[in-house]
C-alpha atoms as a PDB file:
ATOM      1  CA  UNK A   1      15.738   5.877 -29.738  1.00  0.00           C
ATOM      2  CA  UNK A   2      17.783   8.887 -28.596  1.00  0.00           C
ATOM      3  CA  UNK A   3      14.642  11.018 -28.645  1.00  0.00           C
ATOM      4  CA  UNK A   4      12.869   8.896 -26.047  1.00  0.00           C
ATOM      5  CA  UNK A   5      15.819   8.808 -23.618  1.00  0.00           C
ATOM      6  CA  UNK A   6      16.366  12.648 -23.751  1.00  0.00           C
ATOM      7  CA  UNK A   7      13.136  13.489 -21.735  1.00  0.00           C
ATOM      8  CA  UNK A   8      14.165  10.949 -19.186  1.00  0.00           C
ATOM      9  CA  UNK A   9      17.388  12.713 -18.660  1.00  0.00           C
ATOM     10  CA  UNK A  10      15.819  16.075 -18.391  1.00  0.00           C
ATOM     11  CA  UNK A  11      13.270  14.946 -15.765  1.00  0.00           C
ATOM     12  CA  UNK A  12      15.962  13.341 -13.620  1.00  0.00           C
ATOM     13  CA  UNK A  13      17.841  16.564 -13.392  1.00  0.00           C
ATOM     14  CA  UNK A  14      14.687  18.493 -12.156  1.00  0.00           C
ATOM     15  CA  UNK A  15      14.274  18.770  -8.394  1.00  0.00           C
ATOM     16  CA  UNK A  16      11.205  16.874  -7.320  1.00  0.00           C
ATOM     17  CA  UNK A  17       9.580  17.567  -4.072  1.00  0.00           C
ATOM     18  CA  UNK A  18      10.524  15.171  -1.490  1.00  0.00           C
ATOM     19  CA  UNK A  19       8.132  12.436  -0.485  1.00  0.00           C
ATOM     20  CA  UNK A  20       6.967  12.571   3.188  1.00  0.00           C
ATOM     21  CA  UNK A  21       9.157  10.438   5.323  1.00  0.00           C
ATOM     22  CA  UNK A  22       7.451   7.501   7.109  1.00  0.00           C
ATOM     23  CA  UNK A  23       8.716   6.965  10.591  1.00  0.00           C
ATOM     24  CA  UNK A  24       9.102   3.545  12.193  1.00  0.00           C
ATOM     25  CA  UNK A  25       6.117   4.134  14.310  1.00  0.00           C
ATOM     26  CA  UNK A  26       3.868   5.073  11.267  1.00  0.00           C
ATOM     27  CA  UNK A  27       4.985   1.907   9.557  1.00  0.00           C
ATOM     28  CA  UNK A  28       4.246  -0.221  12.606  1.00  0.00           C
ATOM     29  CA  UNK A  29       0.807   1.362  13.015  1.00  0.00           C
ATOM     30  CA  UNK A  30       0.115   0.975   9.290  1.00  0.00           C
ATOM     31  CA  UNK A  31       1.151  -2.832   9.444  1.00  0.00           C
ATOM     32  CA  UNK A  32      -1.043  -3.247  12.732  1.00  0.00           C
ATOM     33  CA  UNK A  33      -4.139  -1.799  10.849  1.00  0.00           C
ATOM     34  CA  UNK A  34      -3.604  -3.979   7.957  1.00  0.00           C
ATOM     35  CA  UNK A  35      -3.154  -7.100  10.133  1.00  0.00           C
ATOM     36  CA  UNK A  36      -6.178  -6.205  12.071  1.00  0.00           C
ATOM     37  CA  UNK A  37      -8.310  -5.577   8.942  1.00  0.00           C
ATOM     38  CA  UNK A  38      -7.330  -8.996   7.614  1.00  0.00           C
ATOM     39  CA  UNK A  39      -8.396 -10.614  10.904  1.00  0.00           C
ATOM     40  CA  UNK A  40     -11.686  -8.964  10.898  1.00  0.00           C
ATOM     41  CA  UNK A  41     -12.298 -10.177   7.454  1.00  0.00           C
ATOM     42  CA  UNK A  42     -11.228 -13.685   8.201  1.00  0.00           C
ATOM     43  CA  UNK A  43     -13.460 -13.756  11.285  1.00  0.00           C
ATOM     44  CA  UNK A  44     -16.442 -12.604   9.346  1.00  0.00           C
ATOM     45  CA  UNK A  45     -15.929 -15.189   6.577  1.00  0.00           C
ATOM     46  CA  UNK A  46     -15.532 -17.772   9.315  1.00  0.00           C
ATOM     47  CA  UNK A  47     -18.689 -17.100  11.111  1.00  0.00           C
ATOM     48  CA  UNK A  48     -20.735 -16.816   7.922  1.00  0.00           C
ATOM     49  CA  UNK A  49     -19.508 -20.080   6.402  1.00  0.00           C
ATOM     50  CA  UNK A  50     -22.310 -22.276   7.685  1.00  0.00           C
ATOM     51  CA  UNK A  51     -25.277 -19.840   7.006  1.00  0.00           C
ATOM     52  CA  UNK A  52     -26.060 -21.474   3.609  1.00  0.00           C
ATOM     53  CA  UNK A  53     -28.441 -24.105   5.031  1.00  0.00           C
ATOM     54  CA  UNK A  54     -32.134 -23.585   4.124  1.00  0.00           C
END
């Protein structure tokens, strides 16, 4: 079991490139896009729900 824990310790000591920071504005814009996309999908499903009549 010590062999499997050794590489984890080695990788944690290496310096990893920092992840890009997400500003509050970027997070709000991302959330707005997600909500808007969900609203569009819901609207399309709502409008097409009665089209199954032959």
